[in-house]
Amino acid sequence: MNIMRQEIQEAVEAMRRGGVIVYPTDTVWGIGCDATCGAAVKRIYELKKRADSKALITLTGSLAQLERWVDGIPDVAYDLIEAAVRPLTIVFDGARGLAPELLAPDGSVGVRLTRDPYCAGLCEALGRPVVSTSANVSGEPSPAVFTEISREILQGADFVAAYRRDDMTRREPSSVIKLGADATIKILRP
C-alpha cells in the first residue's frame, strides 16, 4: 500500500471515530472532520476559537457526492466547476444530511469539489464530505505550508497528516461564490 493511501486510511479511521484531522488541501493546510458529525464540527469551532455563526466549508471528491449532499444544484454550477482554473467553493442554498452545525444561519452550505488526489481520496474513503477550514486560530493567517500551523492546532487534532509536510509550495484560499437557486451569482471572495 502506498504511503498516501495508508495515511488516508488512518485519517478516515480518526474521522469515523468523530475525530478532527489536520491535512493538506488543494488550497491551504486545513482542519477537517466527517461533515455529517455534529460533535466533530463543534470541536473544530472550539479548536479554531471561531464563532459558530461563521459557516465552514465542505469538500466533496466527485460530482456524485456533490449531488448526494447538496439540495437543488443549479445547472450553471456544473459549468462553473468545469471552467474553474483554481479551487472554487460554491455556496449553495441547501444541503441534505450534513451536520446542522456546518450550515450558515440561512441553511446554505459552502462546498468545493476538490481535484486534489489526497482530498478526493479522503472523501472517497470516508464515503461522505469532509469539512475543510484553514488550520489556524480564527483571526490568524491561514497556513499555506505545514510549518505555519500553530502548536495549539496540531495538539488539538486526533490525526495530523505527514503527507506534503515538506512541500513549501504556497497555495491560496479558494475563490468563493454564492449561487442562488435562480442561478444568480454573487462573488464572496475573488
N, C-alpha and C. Protein backbone atom coordinates (compact mmCIF):
# COMPACT_ATOMS: atom_id res chain seq x y z
N MET A 1 0.86 -1.18 0.00
CA MET A 1 0.00 0.00 0.00
C MET A 1 0.90 1.24 0.00
N ASN A 2 0.60 2.20 -0.90
CA ASN A 2 1.46 3.38 -0.92
C ASN A 2 1.20 4.27 0.30
N ILE A 3 2.14 5.16 0.55
CA ILE A 3 2.11 5.98 1.76
C ILE A 3 0.86 6.87 1.80
N MET A 4 0.51 7.49 0.66
CA MET A 4 -0.66 8.36 0.65
C MET A 4 -1.92 7.57 0.98
N ARG A 5 -2.09 6.42 0.39
CA ARG A 5 -3.29 5.62 0.63
C ARG A 5 -3.36 5.16 2.09
N GLN A 6 -2.22 4.77 2.65
CA GLN A 6 -2.17 4.33 4.04
C GLN A 6 -2.54 5.49 4.98
N GLU A 7 -2.01 6.66 4.67
CA GLU A 7 -2.31 7.82 5.51
C GLU A 7 -3.78 8.22 5.40
N ILE A 8 -4.35 8.16 4.21
CA ILE A 8 -5.77 8.45 4.03
C ILE A 8 -6.60 7.50 4.90
N GLN A 9 -6.22 6.23 4.92
CA GLN A 9 -6.95 5.26 5.73
C GLN A 9 -6.89 5.62 7.22
N GLU A 10 -5.72 6.05 7.70
CA GLU A 10 -5.58 6.45 9.11
C GLU A 10 -6.45 7.68 9.41
N ALA A 11 -6.45 8.64 8.49
CA ALA A 11 -7.27 9.85 8.68
C ALA A 11 -8.75 9.50 8.71
N VAL A 12 -9.17 8.62 7.82
CA VAL A 12 -10.58 8.21 7.76
C VAL A 12 -10.97 7.48 9.05
N GLU A 13 -10.10 6.62 9.56
CA GLU A 13 -10.40 5.93 10.82
C GLU A 13 -10.60 6.95 11.94
N ALA A 14 -9.76 7.98 11.99
CA ALA A 14 -9.92 9.03 13.01
C ALA A 14 -11.25 9.75 12.84
N MET A 15 -11.61 10.09 11.59
CA MET A 15 -12.87 10.80 11.36
C MET A 15 -14.07 9.92 11.68
N ARG A 16 -13.99 8.63 11.41
CA ARG A 16 -15.11 7.73 11.73
C ARG A 16 -15.34 7.62 13.24
N ARG A 17 -14.30 7.90 14.02
CA ARG A 17 -14.42 7.89 15.48
C ARG A 17 -14.85 9.27 16.00
N GLY A 18 -15.21 10.19 15.09
CA GLY A 18 -15.60 11.54 15.50
C GLY A 18 -14.42 12.47 15.67
N GLY A 19 -13.27 12.08 15.14
CA GLY A 19 -12.05 12.86 15.32
C GLY A 19 -11.90 14.01 14.34
N VAL A 20 -10.94 14.85 14.68
CA VAL A 20 -10.58 16.03 13.88
C VAL A 20 -9.19 15.78 13.30
N ILE A 21 -9.01 16.12 12.02
CA ILE A 21 -7.73 15.92 11.36
C ILE A 21 -7.15 17.25 10.87
N VAL A 22 -5.82 17.28 10.73
CA VAL A 22 -5.12 18.39 10.09
C VAL A 22 -4.50 17.80 8.84
N TYR A 23 -4.75 18.43 7.69
CA TYR A 23 -4.33 17.81 6.43
C TYR A 23 -4.09 18.86 5.34
N PRO A 24 -3.28 18.51 4.32
CA PRO A 24 -3.06 19.44 3.22
C PRO A 24 -4.24 19.39 2.27
N THR A 25 -4.70 20.55 1.84
CA THR A 25 -5.82 20.60 0.91
C THR A 25 -5.34 21.12 -0.44
N ASP A 26 -6.26 21.33 -1.34
CA ASP A 26 -5.94 21.91 -2.64
C ASP A 26 -5.68 23.40 -2.52
N THR A 27 -5.85 23.95 -1.33
CA THR A 27 -5.56 25.36 -1.07
C THR A 27 -4.53 25.42 0.06
N VAL A 28 -4.94 25.81 1.25
CA VAL A 28 -4.04 25.90 2.40
C VAL A 28 -4.16 24.64 3.26
N TRP A 29 -3.33 24.52 4.31
CA TRP A 29 -3.49 23.39 5.24
C TRP A 29 -4.82 23.57 5.97
N GLY A 30 -5.53 22.46 6.17
CA GLY A 30 -6.87 22.54 6.73
C GLY A 30 -7.09 21.69 7.96
N ILE A 31 -8.17 22.01 8.64
CA ILE A 31 -8.70 21.19 9.73
C ILE A 31 -9.97 20.57 9.16
N GLY A 32 -10.16 19.28 9.40
CA GLY A 32 -11.34 18.63 8.85
C GLY A 32 -11.93 17.59 9.77
N CYS A 33 -13.09 17.11 9.38
CA CYS A 33 -13.78 16.03 10.08
C CYS A 33 -14.88 15.53 9.14
N ASP A 34 -15.56 14.50 9.56
CA ASP A 34 -16.73 13.99 8.84
C ASP A 34 -17.79 15.09 8.86
N ALA A 35 -18.21 15.54 7.70
CA ALA A 35 -19.16 16.66 7.59
C ALA A 35 -20.57 16.30 8.07
N THR A 36 -20.80 15.03 8.41
CA THR A 36 -22.11 14.63 8.92
C THR A 36 -22.11 14.50 10.44
N CYS A 37 -20.97 14.72 11.08
CA CYS A 37 -20.82 14.53 12.53
C CYS A 37 -20.82 15.87 13.26
N GLY A 38 -21.96 16.22 13.83
CA GLY A 38 -22.11 17.50 14.52
C GLY A 38 -21.13 17.70 15.65
N ALA A 39 -20.86 16.67 16.43
CA ALA A 39 -19.94 16.80 17.56
C ALA A 39 -18.53 17.14 17.07
N ALA A 40 -18.11 16.54 15.97
CA ALA A 40 -16.78 16.83 15.42
C ALA A 40 -16.72 18.25 14.86
N VAL A 41 -17.80 18.69 14.22
CA VAL A 41 -17.85 20.06 13.70
C VAL A 41 -17.73 21.05 14.87
N LYS A 42 -18.41 20.78 15.97
CA LYS A 42 -18.32 21.64 17.15
C LYS A 42 -16.89 21.70 17.67
N ARG A 43 -16.19 20.57 17.64
CA ARG A 43 -14.79 20.54 18.09
C ARG A 43 -13.92 21.45 17.22
N ILE A 44 -14.20 21.50 15.92
CA ILE A 44 -13.42 22.37 15.03
C ILE A 44 -13.66 23.83 15.41
N TYR A 45 -14.91 24.21 15.65
CA TYR A 45 -15.18 25.59 16.06
C TYR A 45 -14.42 25.92 17.35
N GLU A 46 -14.41 24.99 18.29
CA GLU A 46 -13.71 25.22 19.56
C GLU A 46 -12.20 25.34 19.35
N LEU A 47 -11.65 24.46 18.53
CA LEU A 47 -10.21 24.45 18.26
C LEU A 47 -9.78 25.76 17.57
N LYS A 48 -10.60 26.23 16.64
CA LYS A 48 -10.29 27.46 15.92
C LYS A 48 -10.66 28.72 16.71
N LYS A 49 -11.43 28.54 17.81
CA LYS A 49 -11.94 29.68 18.58
C LYS A 49 -12.74 30.59 17.64
N ARG A 50 -13.59 29.96 16.86
CA ARG A 50 -14.36 30.65 15.83
C ARG A 50 -15.83 30.68 16.21
N ALA A 51 -16.49 31.79 15.96
CA ALA A 51 -17.92 31.89 16.21
C ALA A 51 -18.66 30.90 15.33
N ASP A 52 -19.59 30.15 15.93
CA ASP A 52 -20.29 29.13 15.14
C ASP A 52 -21.30 29.74 14.17
N SER A 53 -21.43 31.06 14.18
CA SER A 53 -22.29 31.71 13.18
C SER A 53 -21.56 31.85 11.84
N LYS A 54 -20.24 31.60 11.83
CA LYS A 54 -19.45 31.64 10.59
C LYS A 54 -19.36 30.21 10.07
N ALA A 55 -20.08 29.94 9.00
CA ALA A 55 -20.16 28.59 8.45
C ALA A 55 -18.79 28.08 7.98
N LEU A 56 -18.64 26.77 7.97
CA LEU A 56 -17.43 26.11 7.47
C LEU A 56 -17.73 25.52 6.10
N ILE A 57 -16.69 25.32 5.30
CA ILE A 57 -16.92 24.70 4.00
C ILE A 57 -16.68 23.21 4.06
N THR A 58 -17.11 22.54 3.01
CA THR A 58 -17.04 21.10 2.90
C THR A 58 -16.42 20.73 1.56
N LEU A 59 -15.64 19.67 1.56
CA LEU A 59 -15.08 19.14 0.31
C LEU A 59 -15.85 17.89 -0.10
N THR A 60 -16.07 17.77 -1.40
CA THR A 60 -16.57 16.51 -1.96
C THR A 60 -15.53 16.05 -2.98
N GLY A 61 -15.47 14.76 -3.20
CA GLY A 61 -14.47 14.20 -4.10
C GLY A 61 -14.98 13.88 -5.48
N SER A 62 -16.29 14.06 -5.71
CA SER A 62 -16.85 13.73 -7.02
C SER A 62 -18.17 14.48 -7.21
N LEU A 63 -18.60 14.56 -8.46
CA LEU A 63 -19.90 15.17 -8.75
C LEU A 63 -21.02 14.37 -8.09
N ALA A 64 -20.88 13.04 -8.09
CA ALA A 64 -21.91 12.19 -7.47
C ALA A 64 -22.06 12.53 -5.99
N GLN A 65 -20.95 12.76 -5.30
CA GLN A 65 -21.02 13.13 -3.89
C GLN A 65 -21.66 14.50 -3.73
N LEU A 66 -21.29 15.43 -4.58
CA LEU A 66 -21.88 16.77 -4.53
C LEU A 66 -23.40 16.67 -4.68
N GLU A 67 -23.85 15.90 -5.65
CA GLU A 67 -25.28 15.76 -5.91
C GLU A 67 -26.01 15.05 -4.77
N ARG A 68 -25.34 14.17 -4.09
CA ARG A 68 -25.97 13.45 -2.97
C ARG A 68 -26.19 14.34 -1.76
N TRP A 69 -25.28 15.28 -1.51
CA TRP A 69 -25.31 16.05 -0.26
C TRP A 69 -25.79 17.48 -0.40
N VAL A 70 -25.94 17.98 -1.64
CA VAL A 70 -26.39 19.36 -1.85
C VAL A 70 -27.78 19.34 -2.46
N ASP A 71 -28.65 20.18 -1.93
CA ASP A 71 -30.02 20.31 -2.42
C ASP A 71 -30.10 21.33 -3.54
N GLY A 72 -30.75 20.98 -4.64
CA GLY A 72 -31.05 21.92 -5.70
C GLY A 72 -29.84 22.58 -6.34
N ILE A 73 -29.03 21.83 -7.05
CA ILE A 73 -27.86 22.38 -7.71
C ILE A 73 -28.28 23.00 -9.04
N PRO A 74 -28.12 24.33 -9.18
CA PRO A 74 -28.47 24.96 -10.46
C PRO A 74 -27.54 24.45 -11.57
N ASP A 75 -28.05 24.36 -12.79
CA ASP A 75 -27.26 23.85 -13.91
C ASP A 75 -25.96 24.62 -14.11
N VAL A 76 -25.98 25.92 -13.85
CA VAL A 76 -24.79 26.74 -14.07
C VAL A 76 -23.63 26.30 -13.15
N ALA A 77 -23.94 25.65 -12.06
CA ALA A 77 -22.88 25.19 -11.15
C ALA A 77 -21.94 24.23 -11.86
N TYR A 78 -22.47 23.35 -12.68
CA TYR A 78 -21.64 22.39 -13.41
C TYR A 78 -20.69 23.10 -14.36
N ASP A 79 -21.19 24.14 -15.03
CA ASP A 79 -20.35 24.92 -15.93
C ASP A 79 -19.25 25.64 -15.17
N LEU A 80 -19.59 26.21 -14.03
CA LEU A 80 -18.60 26.93 -13.22
C LEU A 80 -17.51 25.98 -12.71
N ILE A 81 -17.91 24.81 -12.25
CA ILE A 81 -16.95 23.83 -11.74
C ILE A 81 -16.01 23.40 -12.86
N GLU A 82 -16.57 23.13 -14.02
CA GLU A 82 -15.76 22.68 -15.16
C GLU A 82 -14.81 23.77 -15.63
N ALA A 83 -15.25 25.03 -15.61
CA ALA A 83 -14.43 26.13 -16.12
C ALA A 83 -13.40 26.66 -15.13
N ALA A 84 -13.56 26.33 -13.86
CA ALA A 84 -12.66 26.87 -12.83
C ALA A 84 -11.21 26.45 -13.07
N VAL A 85 -10.32 27.42 -13.04
CA VAL A 85 -8.90 27.13 -13.22
C VAL A 85 -8.17 27.04 -11.88
N ARG A 86 -8.81 27.50 -10.82
CA ARG A 86 -8.26 27.35 -9.47
C ARG A 86 -9.39 26.85 -8.57
N PRO A 87 -9.07 26.40 -7.37
CA PRO A 87 -10.11 25.87 -6.49
C PRO A 87 -11.27 26.87 -6.30
N LEU A 88 -12.49 26.33 -6.43
CA LEU A 88 -13.70 27.15 -6.36
C LEU A 88 -14.67 26.56 -5.34
N THR A 89 -15.02 27.37 -4.35
CA THR A 89 -16.03 26.98 -3.37
C THR A 89 -17.34 27.66 -3.77
N ILE A 90 -18.40 26.86 -3.86
CA ILE A 90 -19.71 27.40 -4.20
C ILE A 90 -20.62 27.28 -2.98
N VAL A 91 -21.26 28.39 -2.63
CA VAL A 91 -22.23 28.38 -1.54
C VAL A 91 -23.59 28.12 -2.16
N PHE A 92 -24.16 26.97 -1.81
CA PHE A 92 -25.47 26.56 -2.30
C PHE A 92 -26.53 26.87 -1.26
N ASP A 93 -27.79 26.97 -1.70
CA ASP A 93 -28.88 27.32 -0.80
C ASP A 93 -29.18 26.28 0.27
N GLY A 94 -28.92 25.00 0.00
CA GLY A 94 -29.29 23.99 0.98
C GLY A 94 -28.48 22.72 0.85
N ALA A 95 -28.56 21.92 1.90
CA ALA A 95 -27.84 20.65 1.95
C ALA A 95 -28.75 19.54 2.46
N ARG A 96 -28.31 18.30 2.26
CA ARG A 96 -29.04 17.13 2.75
C ARG A 96 -28.09 16.28 3.58
N GLY A 97 -28.45 16.03 4.82
CA GLY A 97 -27.70 15.08 5.64
C GLY A 97 -26.41 15.58 6.24
N LEU A 98 -26.04 16.82 6.03
CA LEU A 98 -24.82 17.35 6.64
C LEU A 98 -25.14 17.81 8.06
N ALA A 99 -24.12 17.87 8.89
CA ALA A 99 -24.31 18.33 10.27
C ALA A 99 -24.88 19.75 10.27
N PRO A 100 -25.96 20.00 11.03
CA PRO A 100 -26.55 21.34 11.08
C PRO A 100 -25.54 22.40 11.52
N GLU A 101 -24.57 22.00 12.34
CA GLU A 101 -23.55 22.93 12.85
C GLU A 101 -22.66 23.47 11.73
N LEU A 102 -22.69 22.81 10.59
CA LEU A 102 -21.85 23.17 9.45
C LEU A 102 -22.49 24.27 8.59
N LEU A 103 -23.80 24.41 8.69
CA LEU A 103 -24.55 25.29 7.81
C LEU A 103 -24.57 26.73 8.31
N ALA A 104 -24.70 27.66 7.37
CA ALA A 104 -24.87 29.07 7.73
C ALA A 104 -26.26 29.25 8.34
N PRO A 105 -26.48 30.35 9.04
CA PRO A 105 -27.81 30.58 9.65
C PRO A 105 -28.97 30.50 8.65
N ASP A 106 -28.72 30.82 7.38
CA ASP A 106 -29.79 30.74 6.37
C ASP A 106 -29.92 29.35 5.75
N GLY A 107 -29.16 28.37 6.26
CA GLY A 107 -29.25 27.00 5.76
C GLY A 107 -28.35 26.71 4.57
N SER A 108 -27.61 27.71 4.11
CA SER A 108 -26.72 27.49 2.97
C SER A 108 -25.46 26.75 3.38
N VAL A 109 -24.78 26.20 2.39
CA VAL A 109 -23.57 25.42 2.65
C VAL A 109 -22.54 25.71 1.56
N GLY A 110 -21.29 25.88 1.97
CA GLY A 110 -20.20 26.08 1.02
C GLY A 110 -19.54 24.75 0.71
N VAL A 111 -19.46 24.42 -0.57
CA VAL A 111 -18.91 23.12 -0.98
C VAL A 111 -17.90 23.33 -2.10
N ARG A 112 -16.79 22.62 -2.00
CA ARG A 112 -15.80 22.64 -3.08
C ARG A 112 -15.58 21.22 -3.58
N LEU A 113 -15.75 21.02 -4.87
CA LEU A 113 -15.44 19.75 -5.49
C LEU A 113 -13.93 19.77 -5.72
N THR A 114 -13.20 19.01 -4.93
CA THR A 114 -11.74 19.05 -4.97
C THR A 114 -11.18 18.17 -6.08
N ARG A 115 -10.12 18.67 -6.70
CA ARG A 115 -9.41 17.90 -7.71
C ARG A 115 -8.09 17.36 -7.15
N ASP A 116 -7.82 17.68 -5.89
CA ASP A 116 -6.59 17.23 -5.23
C ASP A 116 -6.71 15.74 -4.91
N PRO A 117 -5.75 14.91 -5.32
CA PRO A 117 -5.85 13.46 -5.09
C PRO A 117 -5.96 13.06 -3.62
N TYR A 118 -5.26 13.75 -2.75
CA TYR A 118 -5.31 13.43 -1.32
C TYR A 118 -6.70 13.75 -0.75
N CYS A 119 -7.19 14.95 -1.02
CA CYS A 119 -8.50 15.36 -0.50
C CYS A 119 -9.63 14.52 -1.09
N ALA A 120 -9.57 14.30 -2.40
CA ALA A 120 -10.60 13.46 -3.04
C ALA A 120 -10.54 12.05 -2.47
N GLY A 121 -9.34 11.55 -2.20
CA GLY A 121 -9.17 10.23 -1.59
C GLY A 121 -9.79 10.16 -0.20
N LEU A 122 -9.66 11.23 0.59
CA LEU A 122 -10.30 11.28 1.91
C LEU A 122 -11.82 11.16 1.77
N CYS A 123 -12.39 11.97 0.86
CA CYS A 123 -13.84 11.97 0.67
C CYS A 123 -14.33 10.61 0.18
N GLU A 124 -13.59 10.03 -0.75
CA GLU A 124 -13.98 8.73 -1.31
C GLU A 124 -13.90 7.63 -0.25
N ALA A 125 -12.80 7.60 0.49
CA ALA A 125 -12.62 6.54 1.50
C ALA A 125 -13.61 6.69 2.65
N LEU A 126 -13.93 7.92 3.04
CA LEU A 126 -14.91 8.15 4.10
C LEU A 126 -16.32 7.87 3.60
N GLY A 127 -16.56 8.14 2.31
CA GLY A 127 -17.89 7.95 1.75
C GLY A 127 -18.82 9.11 2.04
N ARG A 128 -18.25 10.20 2.54
CA ARG A 128 -19.02 11.39 2.90
C ARG A 128 -18.13 12.63 2.67
N PRO A 129 -18.73 13.81 2.62
CA PRO A 129 -17.92 15.03 2.52
C PRO A 129 -17.05 15.23 3.76
N VAL A 130 -15.98 15.97 3.59
CA VAL A 130 -15.04 16.26 4.67
C VAL A 130 -15.01 17.77 4.88
N VAL A 131 -15.14 18.21 6.14
CA VAL A 131 -15.04 19.63 6.45
C VAL A 131 -13.64 20.11 6.08
N SER A 132 -13.55 21.32 5.58
CA SER A 132 -12.26 21.91 5.23
C SER A 132 -12.27 23.38 5.61
N THR A 133 -11.54 23.70 6.67
CA THR A 133 -11.37 25.09 7.09
C THR A 133 -9.90 25.27 7.39
N SER A 134 -9.39 26.46 7.22
CA SER A 134 -7.96 26.68 7.41
C SER A 134 -7.51 26.27 8.81
N ALA A 135 -6.31 25.70 8.89
CA ALA A 135 -5.77 25.17 10.15
C ALA A 135 -5.12 26.28 10.96
N ASN A 136 -5.94 27.23 11.38
CA ASN A 136 -5.46 28.34 12.19
C ASN A 136 -6.51 28.73 13.21
N VAL A 137 -6.06 29.42 14.25
CA VAL A 137 -6.99 30.01 15.20
C VAL A 137 -7.62 31.20 14.48
N SER A 138 -8.92 31.37 14.64
CA SER A 138 -9.65 32.44 13.95
C SER A 138 -8.95 33.78 14.13
N GLY A 139 -8.78 34.50 13.02
CA GLY A 139 -8.13 35.80 13.05
C GLY A 139 -6.65 35.76 12.72
N GLU A 140 -6.04 34.58 12.82
CA GLU A 140 -4.63 34.43 12.46
C GLU A 140 -4.53 34.09 10.97
N PRO A 141 -3.34 34.28 10.37
CA PRO A 141 -3.18 33.97 8.95
C PRO A 141 -3.40 32.48 8.65
N SER A 142 -3.95 32.20 7.47
CA SER A 142 -4.14 30.82 7.04
C SER A 142 -2.78 30.21 6.71
N PRO A 143 -2.52 28.98 7.16
CA PRO A 143 -1.22 28.35 6.92
C PRO A 143 -1.09 27.78 5.51
N ALA A 144 -0.25 28.42 4.71
CA ALA A 144 -0.02 27.94 3.35
C ALA A 144 0.88 26.71 3.35
N VAL A 145 1.74 26.61 4.35
CA VAL A 145 2.65 25.46 4.49
C VAL A 145 2.55 24.91 5.91
N PHE A 146 2.96 23.67 6.08
CA PHE A 146 2.80 22.98 7.36
C PHE A 146 3.44 23.73 8.52
N THR A 147 4.63 24.29 8.32
CA THR A 147 5.37 24.95 9.41
C THR A 147 4.65 26.18 9.94
N GLU A 148 3.63 26.67 9.25
CA GLU A 148 2.88 27.84 9.71
C GLU A 148 1.69 27.47 10.61
N ILE A 149 1.48 26.18 10.85
CA ILE A 149 0.36 25.75 11.71
C ILE A 149 0.79 25.87 13.17
N SER A 150 -0.04 26.47 13.99
CA SER A 150 0.30 26.67 15.40
C SER A 150 0.30 25.34 16.16
N ARG A 151 1.11 25.29 17.19
CA ARG A 151 1.19 24.12 18.06
C ARG A 151 -0.18 23.80 18.66
N GLU A 152 -0.93 24.84 19.00
CA GLU A 152 -2.26 24.66 19.60
C GLU A 152 -3.18 23.86 18.67
N ILE A 153 -3.15 24.20 17.39
CA ILE A 153 -3.99 23.48 16.42
C ILE A 153 -3.51 22.04 16.29
N LEU A 154 -2.21 21.84 16.14
CA LEU A 154 -1.66 20.48 15.97
C LEU A 154 -1.97 19.60 17.18
N GLN A 155 -1.84 20.15 18.37
CA GLN A 155 -2.10 19.37 19.59
C GLN A 155 -3.58 19.05 19.79
N GLY A 156 -4.45 19.87 19.21
CA GLY A 156 -5.88 19.64 19.36
C GLY A 156 -6.47 18.63 18.39
N ALA A 157 -5.66 18.19 17.41
CA ALA A 157 -6.16 17.26 16.39
C ALA A 157 -5.94 15.81 16.82
N ASP A 158 -6.78 14.92 16.28
CA ASP A 158 -6.65 13.49 16.54
C ASP A 158 -5.72 12.82 15.53
N PHE A 159 -5.53 13.47 14.38
CA PHE A 159 -4.65 12.94 13.34
C PHE A 159 -4.05 14.13 12.60
N VAL A 160 -2.72 14.09 12.39
CA VAL A 160 -2.02 15.13 11.63
C VAL A 160 -1.30 14.44 10.48
N ALA A 161 -1.64 14.84 9.27
CA ALA A 161 -1.05 14.23 8.07
C ALA A 161 0.45 14.48 8.00
N ALA A 162 1.17 13.47 7.55
CA ALA A 162 2.60 13.62 7.25
C ALA A 162 2.76 14.02 5.79
N TYR A 163 1.78 13.64 4.98
CA TYR A 163 1.82 13.89 3.54
C TYR A 163 1.96 15.39 3.26
N ARG A 164 2.89 15.76 2.43
CA ARG A 164 3.16 17.13 1.98
C ARG A 164 3.67 18.07 3.06
N ARG A 165 4.10 17.56 4.21
CA ARG A 165 4.64 18.45 5.24
C ARG A 165 5.85 19.23 4.75
N ASP A 166 6.66 18.61 3.90
CA ASP A 166 7.88 19.26 3.41
C ASP A 166 7.64 20.11 2.17
N ASP A 167 6.44 20.11 1.64
CA ASP A 167 6.10 20.88 0.44
C ASP A 167 5.99 22.35 0.82
N MET A 168 6.84 23.17 0.24
CA MET A 168 6.84 24.61 0.57
C MET A 168 6.10 25.44 -0.47
N THR A 169 5.34 24.77 -1.36
CA THR A 169 4.53 25.48 -2.35
C THR A 169 3.46 26.28 -1.62
N ARG A 170 3.39 27.57 -1.90
CA ARG A 170 2.41 28.43 -1.22
C ARG A 170 1.13 28.46 -2.04
N ARG A 171 0.07 27.93 -1.46
CA ARG A 171 -1.23 27.91 -2.12
C ARG A 171 -2.12 28.98 -1.51
N GLU A 172 -3.10 29.40 -2.28
CA GLU A 172 -4.02 30.45 -1.85
C GLU A 172 -5.38 29.85 -1.51
N PRO A 173 -6.15 30.54 -0.65
CA PRO A 173 -7.52 30.08 -0.40
C PRO A 173 -8.33 30.05 -1.70
N SER A 174 -9.42 29.31 -1.71
CA SER A 174 -10.25 29.19 -2.91
C SER A 174 -11.03 30.48 -3.17
N SER A 175 -11.47 30.61 -4.40
CA SER A 175 -12.47 31.64 -4.73
C SER A 175 -13.78 31.15 -4.13
N VAL A 176 -14.63 32.06 -3.71
CA VAL A 176 -15.92 31.68 -3.14
C VAL A 176 -17.02 32.48 -3.81
N ILE A 177 -18.02 31.76 -4.31
CA ILE A 177 -19.19 32.42 -4.89
C ILE A 177 -20.46 31.85 -4.26
N LYS A 178 -21.49 32.67 -4.18
CA LYS A 178 -22.80 32.20 -3.72
C LYS A 178 -23.66 32.05 -4.96
N LEU A 179 -24.26 30.90 -5.10
CA LEU A 179 -25.06 30.58 -6.27
C LEU A 179 -26.49 30.33 -5.82
N GLY A 180 -27.39 31.23 -6.20
CA GLY A 180 -28.79 31.10 -5.82
C GLY A 180 -29.50 30.06 -6.68
N ALA A 181 -30.63 29.57 -6.20
CA ALA A 181 -31.42 28.59 -6.94
C ALA A 181 -31.85 29.14 -8.30
N ASP A 182 -31.96 30.48 -8.40
CA ASP A 182 -32.33 31.11 -9.67
C ASP A 182 -31.10 31.40 -10.54
N ALA A 183 -29.94 30.83 -10.15
CA ALA A 183 -28.66 30.94 -10.88
C ALA A 183 -28.02 32.32 -10.77
N THR A 184 -28.46 33.15 -9.80
CA THR A 184 -27.75 34.41 -9.58
C THR A 184 -26.41 34.09 -8.91
N ILE A 185 -25.40 34.83 -9.31
CA ILE A 185 -24.04 34.60 -8.80
C ILE A 185 -23.58 35.83 -8.04
N LYS A 186 -23.08 35.60 -6.83
CA LYS A 186 -22.53 36.70 -6.03
C LYS A 186 -21.11 36.27 -5.64
N ILE A 187 -20.12 37.09 -5.96
CA ILE A 187 -18.73 36.77 -5.62
C ILE A 187 -18.48 37.18 -4.17
N LEU A 188 -18.11 36.19 -3.32
CA LEU A 188 -17.85 36.46 -1.91
C LEU A 188 -16.35 36.63 -1.66
N ARG A 189 -15.53 35.88 -2.42
CA ARG A 189 -14.06 36.03 -2.33
C ARG A 189 -13.50 35.74 -3.72
N PRO A 190 -12.92 36.77 -4.36
CA PRO A 190 -12.41 36.56 -5.73
C PRO A 190 -11.30 35.52 -5.80
